[in-house]
Amino acid sequence: MKYLTRIMMAAGILAMVACSAQADTPPKDLKATIAKKLGRPVDAVNPTPVKGIYEVVMGKRQIIYTDAKGEYAFVGEMVDVAKKESITERRIAEMMTTDFAKLPLADAVKIVRGDGSRKMAVFTDPDCPFCKRLEQQSLAGIDNVTIYNFLMPLPGLHPDAARKSAMIWCSKDQNAAWRGWFFDGKLPDNSPECDNPVQRNMALGESLGISGTPALIFANGQIVSGAIPKEKIEEMLNAKK
């Protein structure tokens, strides 16, 4: 809907308001009302620290705000001025989680460094420049870690990524094929025709709310998007559940 693409003046008001009011329960019919008016499924409607303003969650990860009657949609960040904290950003981070133990790790290219004691997963597209940056600049110097690499091509952006993903998976030495492509730009000399998990990985990423690459999942279940720096990865690897 085109009004969802606008940043309304009310969004700016939300960004400046001091969130001191008591949270109140959303009206029972508000979720259905918003879904009908926007023409989109709504996952949840939750209270916010601002009385009469409610958080609307769509597509598992998108947050907008609405009034109690669902007459206005506010697109933007809600900021706690006193704490200098984005409530919207914090809520999105809270929602970006999954159960690491339930990931289908057999569908990933497994790379073990050192004792492999720390665990993480990466959803990556072989033609994604940020994925290569992550490999070459952030992950390269990290030791004592097991990395499960889920090949998740983004066909709309990189039409040849699915073929390259399959070629890496179908290689007799997946680790060598992985390094050959991400560090040297060389694909393995083999066919992409084998039983591979590429389509499953794409569906898995979608189910987790991952729409871009790279996306990292840590053992505590936190999902982080982007080619984050080595220091942040080390911090997350050592984080407790």
C-alpha atoms as a PDB file:
ATOM      1  CA  MET A   1       0.000   0.000   0.000  1.00  0.00           C
ATOM      2  CA  LYS A   2       1.456   3.357  -1.000  1.00  0.00           C
ATOM      3  CA  TYR A   3       0.658   5.021   2.338  1.00  0.00           C
ATOM      4  CA  LEU A   4       2.913   2.452   4.032  1.00  0.00           C
ATOM      5  CA  THR A   5       5.878   3.754   2.041  1.00  0.00           C
ATOM      6  CA  ARG A   6       5.504   7.286   3.391  1.00  0.00           C
ATOM      7  CA  ILE A   7       7.143   8.462   6.557  1.00  0.00           C
ATOM      8  CA  MET A   8       4.323  10.415   8.076  1.00  0.00           C
ATOM      9  CA  MET A   9       4.657  13.411  10.378  1.00  0.00           C
ATOM     10  CA  ALA A  10       3.320  11.286  13.189  1.00  0.00           C
ATOM     11  CA  ALA A  11       6.372   9.047  12.882  1.00  0.00           C
ATOM     12  CA  GLY A  12       8.503  12.035  13.756  1.00  0.00           C
ATOM     13  CA  ILE A  13       6.307  12.720  16.753  1.00  0.00           C
ATOM     14  CA  LEU A  14       6.782   9.133  17.879  1.00  0.00           C
ATOM     15  CA  ALA A  15      10.524   9.516  17.576  1.00  0.00           C
ATOM     16  CA  MET A  16      10.482  12.512  19.940  1.00  0.00           C
ATOM     17  CA  VAL A  17       7.987  11.439  22.554  1.00  0.00           C
ATOM     18  CA  ALA A  18       9.241  10.492  26.028  1.00  0.00           C
ATOM     19  CA  CYS A  19       7.854   7.019  26.634  1.00  0.00           C
ATOM     20  CA  SER A  20       6.627   7.375  30.181  1.00  0.00           C
ATOM     21  CA  ALA A  21       3.002   6.331  29.918  1.00  0.00           C
ATOM     22  CA  GLN A  22       1.720   2.978  31.118  1.00  0.00           C
ATOM     23  CA  ALA A  23       1.404   0.350  28.368  1.00  0.00           C
ATOM     24  CA  ASP A  24      -2.196  -0.605  27.658  1.00  0.00           C
ATOM     25  CA  THR A  25      -3.748  -3.690  26.093  1.00  0.00           C
ATOM     26  CA  PRO A  26      -4.668  -3.397  22.377  1.00  0.00           C
ATOM     27  CA  PRO A  27      -8.394  -3.517  21.525  1.00  0.00           C
ATOM     28  CA  LYS A  28      -9.468  -7.072  20.726  1.00  0.00           C
ATOM     29  CA  ASP A  29     -10.516  -6.357  17.145  1.00  0.00           C
ATOM     30  CA  LEU A  30      -7.533  -4.138  16.247  1.00  0.00           C
ATOM     31  CA  LYS A  31      -5.469  -6.915  14.634  1.00  0.00           C
ATOM     32  CA  ALA A  32      -8.302  -7.890  12.274  1.00  0.00           C
ATOM     33  CA  THR A  33      -9.094  -4.240  11.544  1.00  0.00           C
ATOM     34  CA  ILE A  34      -5.500  -3.416  10.576  1.00  0.00           C
ATOM     35  CA  ALA A  35      -5.153  -6.554   8.452  1.00  0.00           C
ATOM     36  CA  LYS A  36      -8.352  -5.716   6.558  1.00  0.00           C
ATOM     37  CA  LYS A  37      -7.480  -2.067   5.988  1.00  0.00           C
ATOM     38  CA  LEU A  38      -3.908  -2.708   4.899  1.00  0.00           C
ATOM     39  CA  GLY A  39      -4.773  -5.814   2.893  1.00  0.00           C
ATOM     40  CA  ARG A  40      -1.879  -7.687   4.477  1.00  0.00           C
ATOM     41  CA  PRO A  41      -1.602 -10.416   7.129  1.00  0.00           C
ATOM     42  CA  VAL A  42      -0.765  -9.110  10.592  1.00  0.00           C
ATOM     43  CA  ASP A  43       1.293 -11.356  12.865  1.00  0.00           C
ATOM     44  CA  ALA A  44       0.673  -9.512  16.118  1.00  0.00           C
ATOM     45  CA  VAL A  45      -0.488  -6.265  17.710  1.00  0.00           C
ATOM     46  CA  ASN A  46       1.298  -5.340  20.935  1.00  0.00           C
ATOM     47  CA  PRO A  47       1.218  -2.471  23.406  1.00  0.00           C
ATOM     48  CA  THR A  48       3.947   0.187  23.424  1.00  0.00           C
ATOM     49  CA  PRO A  49       5.097   2.498  26.231  1.00  0.00           C
ATOM     50  CA  VAL A  50       2.932   5.236  24.674  1.00  0.00           C
ATOM     51  CA  LYS A  51      -0.730   5.031  25.696  1.00  0.00           C
ATOM     52  CA  GLY A  52      -3.040   4.647  22.700  1.00  0.00           C
ATOM     53  CA  ILE A  53      -0.257   3.707  20.264  1.00  0.00           C
ATOM     54  CA  TYR A  54       0.245   0.044  19.322  1.00  0.00           C
ATOM     55  CA  GLU A  55       2.985  -1.949  17.641  1.00  0.00           C
ATOM     56  CA  VAL A  56       1.878  -3.865  14.539  1.00  0.00           C
ATOM     57  CA  VAL A  57       4.099  -6.754  13.406  1.00  0.00           C
ATOM     58  CA  MET A  58       3.866  -7.882   9.785  1.00  0.00           C
ATOM     59  CA  GLY A  59       6.003 -10.276   7.771  1.00  0.00           C
ATOM     60  CA  LYS A  60       7.535 -11.468  11.072  1.00  0.00           C
ATOM     61  CA  ARG A  61      10.043  -8.621  11.164  1.00  0.00           C
ATOM     62  CA  GLN A  62       8.368  -5.402   9.947  1.00  0.00           C
ATOM     63  CA  ILE A  63       7.039  -3.026  12.596  1.00  0.00           C
ATOM     64  CA  ILE A  64       4.675  -0.103  12.108  1.00  0.00           C
ATOM     65  CA  TYR A  65       2.487   1.675  14.660  1.00  0.00           C
ATOM     66  CA  THR A  66      -1.206   2.458  14.793  1.00  0.00           C
ATOM     67  CA  ASP A  67      -3.811   4.231  16.887  1.00  0.00           C
ATOM     68  CA  ALA A  68      -6.476   2.328  18.828  1.00  0.00           C
ATOM     69  CA  LYS A  69      -8.987   2.441  15.962  1.00  0.00           C
ATOM     70  CA  GLY A  70      -6.583   1.473  13.197  1.00  0.00           C
ATOM     71  CA  GLU A  71      -7.271   4.728  11.373  1.00  0.00           C
ATOM     72  CA  TYR A  72      -3.652   5.844  11.033  1.00  0.00           C
ATOM     73  CA  ALA A  73      -0.412   3.937  10.403  1.00  0.00           C
ATOM     74  CA  PHE A  74       2.864   5.404  11.610  1.00  0.00           C
ATOM     75  CA  VAL A  75       6.006   4.364   9.754  1.00  0.00           C
ATOM     76  CA  GLY A  76       9.257   5.099  11.570  1.00  0.00           C
ATOM     77  CA  GLU A  77      11.161   4.569  14.786  1.00  0.00           C
ATOM     78  CA  MET A  78       9.881   4.957  18.305  1.00  0.00           C
ATOM     79  CA  VAL A  79      12.667   6.331  20.473  1.00  0.00           C
ATOM     80  CA  ASP A  80      12.951   6.491  24.255  1.00  0.00           C
ATOM     81  CA  VAL A  81      14.511   9.946  24.532  1.00  0.00           C
ATOM     82  CA  ALA A  82      15.562   9.597  28.170  1.00  0.00           C
ATOM     83  CA  LYS A  83      17.448   6.363  27.480  1.00  0.00           C
ATOM     84  CA  LYS A  84      18.556   7.454  24.005  1.00  0.00           C
ATOM     85  CA  GLU A  85      17.367   4.053  22.777  1.00  0.00           C
ATOM     86  CA  SER A  86      15.378   3.014  19.717  1.00  0.00           C
ATOM     87  CA  ILE A  87      12.497   0.898  20.967  1.00  0.00           C
ATOM     88  CA  THR A  88      11.756  -0.180  17.400  1.00  0.00           C
ATOM     89  CA  GLU A  89      15.309  -1.391  16.805  1.00  0.00           C
ATOM     90  CA  ARG A  90      15.323  -3.267  20.102  1.00  0.00           C
ATOM     91  CA  ARG A  91      12.023  -4.987  19.319  1.00  0.00           C
ATOM     92  CA  ILE A  92      13.208  -6.075  15.865  1.00  0.00           C
ATOM     93  CA  ALA A  93      16.360  -7.551  17.439  1.00  0.00           C
ATOM     94  CA  GLU A  94      14.210  -9.418  19.970  1.00  0.00           C
ATOM     95  CA  MET A  95      12.121 -10.921  17.166  1.00  0.00           C
ATOM     96  CA  MET A  96      15.169 -11.899  15.111  1.00  0.00           C
ATOM     97  CA  THR A  97      15.758 -15.148  16.961  1.00  0.00           C
ATOM     98  CA  THR A  98      15.378 -18.869  16.341  1.00  0.00           C
ATOM     99  CA  ASP A  99      16.261 -22.191  17.934  1.00  0.00           C
ATOM    100  CA  PHE A 100      19.778 -22.931  16.694  1.00  0.00           C
ATOM    101  CA  ALA A 101      19.427 -26.611  17.644  1.00  0.00           C
ATOM    102  CA  LYS A 102      16.559 -26.995  15.167  1.00  0.00           C
ATOM    103  CA  LEU A 103      18.494 -25.747  12.127  1.00  0.00           C
ATOM    104  CA  PRO A 104      18.965 -28.491   9.477  1.00  0.00           C
ATOM    105  CA  LEU A 105      22.754 -28.382   9.759  1.00  0.00           C
ATOM    106  CA  ALA A 106      23.168 -31.285   7.316  1.00  0.00           C
ATOM    107  CA  ASP A 107      22.102 -28.834   4.590  1.00  0.00           C
ATOM    108  CA  ALA A 108      25.044 -26.526   5.272  1.00  0.00           C
ATOM    109  CA  VAL A 109      28.687 -26.503   4.220  1.00  0.00           C
ATOM    110  CA  LYS A 110      30.442 -27.192   7.512  1.00  0.00           C
ATOM    111  CA  ILE A 111      33.770 -25.478   8.208  1.00  0.00           C
ATOM    112  CA  VAL A 112      35.660 -26.243  11.428  1.00  0.00           C
ATOM    113  CA  ARG A 113      38.507 -24.116  12.755  1.00  0.00           C
ATOM    114  CA  GLY A 114      40.602 -24.927  15.805  1.00  0.00           C
ATOM    115  CA  ASP A 115      38.637 -26.937  18.356  1.00  0.00           C
ATOM    116  CA  GLY A 116      35.330 -25.923  16.710  1.00  0.00           C
ATOM    117  CA  SER A 117      33.790 -25.324  20.131  1.00  0.00           C
ATOM    118  CA  ARG A 118      31.813 -22.206  19.239  1.00  0.00           C
ATOM    119  CA  LYS A 119      28.923 -22.505  16.794  1.00  0.00           C
ATOM    120  CA  MET A 120      27.352 -20.206  14.232  1.00  0.00           C
ATOM    121  CA  ALA A 121      25.492 -20.384  10.936  1.00  0.00           C
ATOM    122  CA  VAL A 122      25.707 -18.072   7.939  1.00  0.00           C
ATOM    123  CA  PHE A 123      23.153 -17.680   5.143  1.00  0.00           C
ATOM    124  CA  THR A 124      25.081 -16.573   2.107  1.00  0.00           C
ATOM    125  CA  ASP A 125      24.784 -15.938  -1.623  1.00  0.00           C
ATOM    126  CA  PRO A 126      27.913 -16.714  -3.687  1.00  0.00           C
ATOM    127  CA  ASP A 127      27.393 -13.590  -5.812  1.00  0.00           C
ATOM    128  CA  CYS A 128      26.754 -11.277  -2.859  1.00  0.00           C
ATOM    129  CA  PRO A 129      29.682  -8.823  -2.454  1.00  0.00           C
ATOM    130  CA  PHE A 130      28.890  -8.330   1.222  1.00  0.00           C
ATOM    131  CA  CYS A 131      29.064 -12.098   1.767  1.00  0.00           C
ATOM    132  CA  LYS A 132      32.564 -12.117   0.294  1.00  0.00           C
ATOM    133  CA  ARG A 133      33.517  -9.195   2.510  1.00  0.00           C
ATOM    134  CA  LEU A 134      32.241 -11.096   5.541  1.00  0.00           C
ATOM    135  CA  GLU A 135      34.322 -14.140   4.594  1.00  0.00           C
ATOM    136  CA  GLN A 136      37.499 -12.254   3.762  1.00  0.00           C
ATOM    137  CA  GLN A 137      37.484  -9.542   6.424  1.00  0.00           C
ATOM    138  CA  SER A 138      35.366 -10.692   9.373  1.00  0.00           C
ATOM    139  CA  LEU A 139      35.355 -14.494   9.529  1.00  0.00           C
ATOM    140  CA  ALA A 140      38.843 -15.215   8.211  1.00  0.00           C
ATOM    141  CA  GLY A 141      40.620 -14.493  11.496  1.00  0.00           C
ATOM    142  CA  ILE A 142      38.183 -16.222  13.843  1.00  0.00           C
ATOM    143  CA  ASP A 143      39.375 -19.469  15.452  1.00  0.00           C
ATOM    144  CA  ASN A 144      37.842 -22.253  17.555  1.00  0.00           C
ATOM    145  CA  VAL A 145      34.561 -22.093  15.690  1.00  0.00           C
ATOM    146  CA  THR A 146      32.297 -24.315  13.615  1.00  0.00           C
ATOM    147  CA  ILE A 147      30.571 -22.391  10.837  1.00  0.00           C
ATOM    148  CA  TYR A 148      27.554 -23.880   9.078  1.00  0.00           C
ATOM    149  CA  ASN A 149      27.192 -22.128   5.727  1.00  0.00           C
ATOM    150  CA  PHE A 150      23.715 -22.276   4.199  1.00  0.00           C
ATOM    151  CA  LEU A 151      23.872 -21.471   0.499  1.00  0.00           C
ATOM    152  CA  MET A 152      20.885 -19.200  -0.096  1.00  0.00           C
ATOM    153  CA  PRO A 153      20.992 -17.545  -3.540  1.00  0.00           C
ATOM    154  CA  LEU A 154      18.888 -14.469  -4.211  1.00  0.00           C
ATOM    155  CA  PRO A 155      17.764 -15.064  -7.826  1.00  0.00           C
ATOM    156  CA  GLY A 156      16.174 -11.643  -8.186  1.00  0.00           C
ATOM    157  CA  LEU A 157      19.531  -9.978  -7.577  1.00  0.00           C
ATOM    158  CA  HIS A 158      21.949 -12.642  -8.759  1.00  0.00           C
ATOM    159  CA  PRO A 159      20.552 -14.844 -11.547  1.00  0.00           C
ATOM    160  CA  ASP A 160      23.593 -17.159 -11.617  1.00  0.00           C
ATOM    161  CA  ALA A 161      23.883 -17.609  -7.858  1.00  0.00           C
ATOM    162  CA  ALA A 162      21.754 -20.778  -7.715  1.00  0.00           C
ATOM    163  CA  ARG A 163      24.022 -22.544 -10.231  1.00  0.00           C
ATOM    164  CA  LYS A 164      27.147 -21.497  -8.345  1.00  0.00           C
ATOM    165  CA  SER A 165      25.605 -22.603  -5.069  1.00  0.00           C
ATOM    166  CA  ALA A 166      24.887 -26.042  -6.506  1.00  0.00           C
ATOM    167  CA  MET A 167      28.403 -26.321  -7.935  1.00  0.00           C
ATOM    168  CA  ILE A 168      29.945 -25.592  -4.540  1.00  0.00           C
ATOM    169  CA  TRP A 169      27.649 -28.104  -2.846  1.00  0.00           C
ATOM    170  CA  CYS A 170      28.229 -30.801  -5.478  1.00  0.00           C
ATOM    171  CA  SER A 171      32.012 -30.569  -5.193  1.00  0.00           C
ATOM    172  CA  LYS A 172      33.833 -33.589  -3.750  1.00  0.00           C
ATOM    173  CA  ASP A 173      35.642 -31.194  -1.403  1.00  0.00           C
ATOM    174  CA  GLN A 174      33.081 -28.616  -0.306  1.00  0.00           C
ATOM    175  CA  ASN A 175      35.516 -26.744   1.948  1.00  0.00           C
ATOM    176  CA  ALA A 176      38.012 -26.335  -0.864  1.00  0.00           C
ATOM    177  CA  ALA A 177      35.244 -25.265  -3.236  1.00  0.00           C
ATOM    178  CA  TRP A 178      34.007 -22.767  -0.683  1.00  0.00           C
ATOM    179  CA  ARG A 179      37.402 -21.194  -0.181  1.00  0.00           C
ATOM    180  CA  GLY A 180      38.187 -21.317  -3.890  1.00  0.00           C
ATOM    181  CA  TRP A 181      35.145 -19.237  -4.732  1.00  0.00           C
ATOM    182  CA  PHE A 182      34.951 -16.794  -1.827  1.00  0.00           C
ATOM    183  CA  PHE A 183      38.682 -16.071  -1.693  1.00  0.00           C
ATOM    184  CA  ASP A 184      39.985 -16.761  -5.198  1.00  0.00           C
ATOM    185  CA  GLY A 185      36.892 -16.368  -7.373  1.00  0.00           C
ATOM    186  CA  LYS A 186      37.306 -19.871  -8.825  1.00  0.00           C
ATOM    187  CA  LEU A 187      34.458 -22.346  -9.112  1.00  0.00           C
ATOM    188  CA  PRO A 188      35.096 -26.083  -8.789  1.00  0.00           C
ATOM    189  CA  ASP A 189      35.415 -28.093 -11.982  1.00  0.00           C
ATOM    190  CA  ASN A 190      32.244 -30.120 -11.608  1.00  0.00           C
ATOM    191  CA  SER A 191      28.598 -30.187 -12.612  1.00  0.00           C
ATOM    192  CA  PRO A 192      25.891 -28.489 -10.515  1.00  0.00           C
ATOM    193  CA  GLU A 193      23.700 -31.532 -11.110  1.00  0.00           C
ATOM    194  CA  CYS A 194      23.441 -33.398  -7.802  1.00  0.00           C
ATOM    195  CA  ASP A 195      21.004 -33.713  -4.931  1.00  0.00           C
ATOM    196  CA  ASN A 196      21.477 -30.359  -3.198  1.00  0.00           C
ATOM    197  CA  PRO A 197      19.678 -28.329  -0.498  1.00  0.00           C
ATOM    198  CA  VAL A 198      19.675 -24.962  -2.268  1.00  0.00           C
ATOM    199  CA  GLN A 199      15.889 -24.717  -2.662  1.00  0.00           C
ATOM    200  CA  ARG A 200      15.396 -25.946   0.910  1.00  0.00           C
ATOM    201  CA  ASN A 201      17.814 -23.319   2.166  1.00  0.00           C
ATOM    202  CA  MET A 202      15.918 -20.589   0.337  1.00  0.00           C
ATOM    203  CA  ALA A 203      12.666 -21.754   1.936  1.00  0.00           C
ATOM    204  CA  LEU A 204      14.354 -21.992   5.332  1.00  0.00           C
ATOM    205  CA  GLY A 205      15.688 -18.457   5.073  1.00  0.00           C
ATOM    206  CA  GLU A 206      12.232 -17.167   4.187  1.00  0.00           C
ATOM    207  CA  SER A 207      10.689 -18.999   7.148  1.00  0.00           C
ATOM    208  CA  LEU A 208      13.221 -17.334   9.456  1.00  0.00           C
ATOM    209  CA  GLY A 209      12.479 -13.890   8.086  1.00  0.00           C
ATOM    210  CA  ILE A 210      15.835 -13.655   6.302  1.00  0.00           C
ATOM    211  CA  SER A 211      15.396 -11.615   3.140  1.00  0.00           C
ATOM    212  CA  GLY A 212      18.998 -10.623   2.443  1.00  0.00           C
ATOM    213  CA  THR A 213      22.511 -11.939   2.745  1.00  0.00           C
ATOM    214  CA  PRO A 214      24.680 -12.348   4.636  1.00  0.00           C
ATOM    215  CA  ALA A 215      22.657 -13.267   7.712  1.00  0.00           C
ATOM    216  CA  LEU A 216      24.320 -14.789  10.751  1.00  0.00           C
ATOM    217  CA  ILE A 217      22.736 -17.006  13.393  1.00  0.00           C
ATOM    218  CA  PHE A 218      24.542 -17.572  16.664  1.00  0.00           C
ATOM    219  CA  ALA A 219      24.212 -20.410  19.183  1.00  0.00           C
ATOM    220  CA  ASN A 220      21.994 -18.277  21.426  1.00  0.00           C
ATOM    221  CA  GLY A 221      19.506 -18.019  18.552  1.00  0.00           C
ATOM    222  CA  GLN A 222      20.171 -14.379  17.690  1.00  0.00           C
ATOM    223  CA  ILE A 223      19.898 -13.534  13.982  1.00  0.00           C
ATOM    224  CA  VAL A 224      22.050 -10.645  12.800  1.00  0.00           C
ATOM    225  CA  SER A 225      21.974  -9.204   9.291  1.00  0.00           C
ATOM    226  CA  GLY A 226      24.907  -7.832   7.359  1.00  0.00           C
ATOM    227  CA  ALA A 227      28.672  -8.121   7.107  1.00  0.00           C
ATOM    228  CA  ILE A 228      29.298  -7.203  10.728  1.00  0.00           C
ATOM    229  CA  PRO A 229      32.899  -6.735  11.944  1.00  0.00           C
ATOM    230  CA  LYS A 230      35.042  -9.445  13.494  1.00  0.00           C
ATOM    231  CA  GLU A 231      34.806  -7.878  16.958  1.00  0.00           C
ATOM    232  CA  LYS A 232      31.004  -8.085  16.926  1.00  0.00           C
ATOM    233  CA  ILE A 233      31.117 -11.705  15.767  1.00  0.00           C
ATOM    234  CA  GLU A 234      33.499 -12.590  18.610  1.00  0.00           C
ATOM    235  CA  GLU A 235      31.157 -10.889  21.058  1.00  0.00           C
ATOM    236  CA  MET A 236      28.154 -12.806  19.759  1.00  0.00           C
ATOM    237  CA  LEU A 237      30.010 -16.135  19.683  1.00  0.00           C
ATOM    238  CA  ASN A 238      30.812 -15.718  23.357  1.00  0.00           C
ATOM    239  CA  ALA A 239      27.333 -14.496  24.334  1.00  0.00           C
ATOM    240  CA  LYS A 240      25.297 -16.620  26.701  1.00  0.00           C
ATOM    241  CA  LYS A 241      21.839 -17.864  25.836  1.00  0.00           C
END
